[in-house]
């Protein structure tokens, strides 16, 4: 990441040095996940669509601990693998909106709330700014080479009431809590970086 772009990492000290953590990352561009993996203070394991696991990329993604998920159905194997990362005290990376979009946390899916409630892991909000469409690209799928990309880590927090309940009501409440915290972090990150 540092050889292709100029990442500026802010607040990495906020990431707990041990124990299970979920990094909830905005997702406006293809490079957001790799940018976080290349700049985070701990190894991050993402749920990545199974279509990406082809050819030499398959061995590479598996080698760096990424998890394959079938997005067309409820993939129990992927859920079990992701919970296993957290049970072993690792870091799970999640794009709470499910796919690329505006990167503004406007529409969260319930997956983040489920993993947070089920595992009790702390959630660290992360915002990647500067990766989205801008003029001056040689390759449309990537930010301009040597451009600055900001990765801003927020304060860790937990959701739910501590009971571990995963009822529809508990998931809905946790999703609202998450959206409020993630949106507030995005606003703070934009103010901090001037983006």
Protein backbone atom coordinates (compact mmCIF):
# COMPACT_ATOMS: atom_id res chain seq x y z
CA UNK A 1 0.00 0.00 0.00
CA UNK A 2 2.79 2.39 0.92
CA UNK A 3 4.60 1.86 -2.39
CA UNK A 4 1.52 2.60 -4.53
CA UNK A 5 -0.22 5.32 -2.52
CA UNK A 6 0.47 7.64 0.39
CA UNK A 7 -1.69 6.27 3.22
CA UNK A 8 -2.08 8.50 6.23
CA UNK A 9 -3.09 6.38 9.21
CA UNK A 10 -4.82 8.20 12.05
CA UNK A 11 -5.85 6.73 15.40
CA UNK A 12 -4.35 3.24 14.96
CA UNK A 13 -3.43 3.37 18.65
CA UNK A 14 -7.17 3.06 19.39
CA UNK A 15 -7.24 -0.56 18.17
CA UNK A 16 -7.12 -2.88 21.20
CA UNK A 17 -3.77 -4.72 21.14
CA UNK A 18 -5.36 -8.09 21.95
CA UNK A 19 -8.68 -9.87 22.12
CA UNK A 20 -11.50 -10.15 19.60
CA UNK A 21 -12.15 -7.03 17.52
CA UNK A 22 -14.47 -6.27 14.63
CA UNK A 23 -13.32 -3.50 12.32
CA UNK A 24 -16.39 -1.94 10.69
CA UNK A 25 -15.15 -0.24 7.52
CA UNK A 26 -16.90 2.04 5.04
CA UNK A 27 -16.71 0.74 1.49
CA UNK A 28 -16.62 3.12 -1.45
CA UNK A 29 -13.91 1.44 -3.51
CA UNK A 30 -12.18 -1.89 -4.26
CA UNK A 31 -8.99 -0.78 -2.54
CA UNK A 32 -10.62 -0.12 0.87
CA UNK A 33 -10.16 -3.68 2.21
CA UNK A 34 -6.56 -4.08 1.03
CA UNK A 35 -5.77 -0.56 2.30
CA UNK A 36 -7.01 -1.50 5.77
CA UNK A 37 -5.17 -4.85 5.69
CA UNK A 38 -1.96 -3.04 4.75
CA UNK A 39 -2.20 -0.32 7.40
CA UNK A 40 -3.97 -1.89 10.41
CA UNK A 41 -1.86 -2.57 13.53
CA UNK A 42 -3.19 -6.16 13.68
CA UNK A 43 -3.90 -8.77 10.96
CA UNK A 44 -7.45 -8.40 9.62
CA UNK A 45 -9.57 -11.26 8.25
CA UNK A 46 -12.33 -10.22 5.84
CA UNK A 47 -15.29 -12.13 4.48
CA UNK A 48 -14.64 -11.89 0.74
CA UNK A 49 -17.01 -12.98 -2.01
CA UNK A 50 -16.15 -16.44 -3.29
CA UNK A 51 -15.87 -15.15 -6.86
CA UNK A 52 -12.59 -13.46 -5.89
CA UNK A 53 -10.97 -16.80 -4.98
CA UNK A 54 -9.84 -17.75 -8.49
CA UNK A 55 -6.47 -18.68 -9.96
CA UNK A 56 -3.38 -17.48 -8.10
CA UNK A 57 -5.52 -15.03 -6.09
CA UNK A 58 -7.17 -18.02 -4.37
CA UNK A 59 -3.92 -19.23 -2.79
CA UNK A 60 -2.90 -15.66 -1.92
CA UNK A 61 -6.19 -14.78 -0.19
CA UNK A 62 -6.23 -18.04 1.75
CA UNK A 63 -2.57 -17.56 2.65
CA UNK A 64 -3.23 -14.19 4.28
CA UNK A 65 -6.23 -15.56 6.19
CA UNK A 66 -9.15 -14.19 4.21
CA UNK A 67 -12.51 -15.97 4.42
CA UNK A 68 -14.59 -17.08 1.45
CA UNK A 69 -18.32 -16.27 1.54
CA UNK A 70 -21.16 -17.14 -0.82
CA UNK A 71 -23.24 -13.97 -0.90
CA UNK A 72 -26.18 -15.65 -2.65
CA UNK A 73 -27.29 -17.53 0.46
CA UNK A 74 -26.81 -17.71 4.22
CA UNK A 75 -23.32 -19.22 4.16
CA UNK A 76 -23.02 -21.13 7.46
CA UNK A 77 -19.41 -22.12 6.80
CA UNK A 78 -18.41 -18.47 6.37
CA UNK A 79 -20.27 -17.47 9.55
CA UNK A 80 -18.57 -20.29 11.48
CA UNK A 81 -15.15 -19.27 10.12
CA UNK A 82 -15.71 -15.61 11.02
CA UNK A 83 -16.84 -16.49 14.55
CA UNK A 84 -13.77 -18.72 14.83
CA UNK A 85 -11.52 -15.73 14.10
CA UNK A 86 -13.17 -13.84 16.96
CA UNK A 87 -13.12 -16.85 19.33
CA UNK A 88 -9.36 -17.08 18.81
CA UNK A 89 -8.99 -13.38 19.71
CA UNK A 90 -8.45 -12.20 16.14
CA UNK A 91 -9.69 -9.27 14.10
CA UNK A 92 -12.62 -9.61 11.71
CA UNK A 93 -13.08 -6.93 9.06
CA UNK A 94 -16.63 -6.21 7.91
CA UNK A 95 -18.12 -3.83 5.38
CA UNK A 96 -21.42 -3.24 7.23
CA UNK A 97 -23.19 -2.04 4.08
CA UNK A 98 -22.44 -5.39 2.46
CA UNK A 99 -21.03 -4.07 -0.79
CA UNK A 100 -19.48 -0.98 -2.33
CA UNK A 101 -21.58 2.15 -2.31
CA UNK A 102 -21.23 5.73 -1.17
CA UNK A 103 -19.23 4.63 1.87
CA UNK A 104 -21.43 6.67 4.20
CA UNK A 105 -22.88 3.89 6.42
CA UNK A 106 -26.38 4.93 5.29
CA UNK A 107 -27.76 1.41 4.93
CA UNK A 108 -26.35 -1.25 7.27
CA UNK A 109 -27.12 -4.93 6.98
CA UNK A 110 -27.60 -6.98 10.13
CA UNK A 111 -24.38 -9.03 9.77
CA UNK A 112 -22.23 -6.65 11.79
CA UNK A 113 -24.78 -6.56 14.62
CA UNK A 114 -25.01 -10.36 14.59
CA UNK A 115 -21.24 -10.87 14.88
CA UNK A 116 -20.92 -8.14 17.53
CA UNK A 117 -23.74 -9.54 19.67
CA UNK A 118 -22.78 -13.18 19.19
CA UNK A 119 -19.09 -12.70 20.00
CA UNK A 120 -19.17 -9.78 22.43
CA UNK A 121 -16.19 -8.37 20.49
CA UNK A 122 -15.37 -4.69 20.54
CA UNK A 123 -16.23 -2.82 17.35
CA UNK A 124 -13.68 -0.36 15.95
CA UNK A 125 -15.10 2.03 13.35
CA UNK A 126 -12.75 2.63 10.43
CA UNK A 127 -13.14 5.15 7.63
CA UNK A 128 -11.11 5.07 4.42
CA UNK A 129 -11.22 8.45 2.64
CA UNK A 130 -9.70 9.35 -0.71
CA UNK A 131 -10.19 6.01 -2.43
CA UNK A 132 -13.42 6.87 -4.26
CA UNK A 133 -13.74 8.09 -7.84
CA UNK A 134 -11.58 11.10 -8.59
CA UNK A 135 -10.11 12.47 -11.80
CA UNK A 136 -6.53 11.63 -12.73
CA UNK A 137 -6.71 7.85 -12.66
CA UNK A 138 -4.64 5.78 -15.01
CA UNK A 139 -6.64 2.70 -14.00
CA UNK A 140 -10.29 3.42 -13.23
CA UNK A 141 -10.47 0.65 -10.63
CA UNK A 142 -7.75 2.26 -8.46
CA UNK A 143 -7.11 5.65 -6.86
CA UNK A 144 -4.46 7.69 -8.69
CA UNK A 145 -1.00 6.34 -7.91
CA UNK A 146 0.86 8.17 -5.12
CA UNK A 147 -2.36 9.94 -4.06
CA UNK A 148 -3.12 10.31 -0.36
CA UNK A 149 -5.62 7.92 1.17
CA UNK A 150 -6.63 8.48 4.79
CA UNK A 151 -7.39 5.53 7.09
CA UNK A 152 -9.01 6.78 10.30
CA UNK A 153 -9.59 4.45 13.26
CA UNK A 154 -12.19 5.35 15.88
CA UNK A 155 -12.70 4.46 19.52
CA UNK A 156 -13.71 0.84 20.23
CA UNK A 157 -17.16 0.18 21.64
CA UNK A 158 -19.56 -2.70 22.30
CA UNK A 159 -23.22 -3.01 21.38
CA UNK A 160 -26.19 -4.62 23.07
CA UNK A 161 -27.05 -4.96 26.71
CA UNK A 162 -24.44 -7.61 27.50
CA UNK A 163 -26.98 -10.44 27.58
CA UNK A 164 -25.79 -11.95 24.29
CA UNK A 165 -29.39 -12.14 23.05
CA UNK A 166 -29.69 -12.30 19.28
CA UNK A 167 -33.42 -11.81 18.86
CA UNK A 168 -34.70 -9.74 15.95
CA UNK A 169 -35.37 -6.87 18.39
CA UNK A 170 -31.81 -7.08 19.80
CA UNK A 171 -30.32 -7.16 16.28
CA UNK A 172 -32.42 -4.18 15.20
CA UNK A 173 -31.42 -2.17 18.28
CA UNK A 174 -27.74 -3.06 17.83
CA UNK A 175 -27.91 -2.08 14.14
CA UNK A 176 -29.29 1.34 15.10
CA UNK A 177 -26.54 1.78 17.72
CA UNK A 178 -23.90 0.78 15.18
CA UNK A 179 -25.22 3.11 12.51
CA UNK A 180 -25.20 6.05 14.93
CA UNK A 181 -21.63 5.36 16.07
CA UNK A 182 -20.28 4.68 12.56
CA UNK A 183 -21.96 7.76 11.09
CA UNK A 184 -20.59 9.92 13.92
CA UNK A 185 -17.08 8.52 13.30
CA UNK A 186 -17.36 9.26 9.57
CA UNK A 187 -18.32 12.85 10.36
CA UNK A 188 -15.38 13.19 12.78
CA UNK A 189 -12.99 11.62 10.25
CA UNK A 190 -14.06 14.03 7.52
CA UNK A 191 -13.58 16.98 9.86
CA UNK A 192 -10.18 15.69 10.97
CA UNK A 193 -8.89 15.04 7.44
CA UNK A 194 -10.62 17.93 5.65
CA UNK A 195 -12.24 15.53 3.15
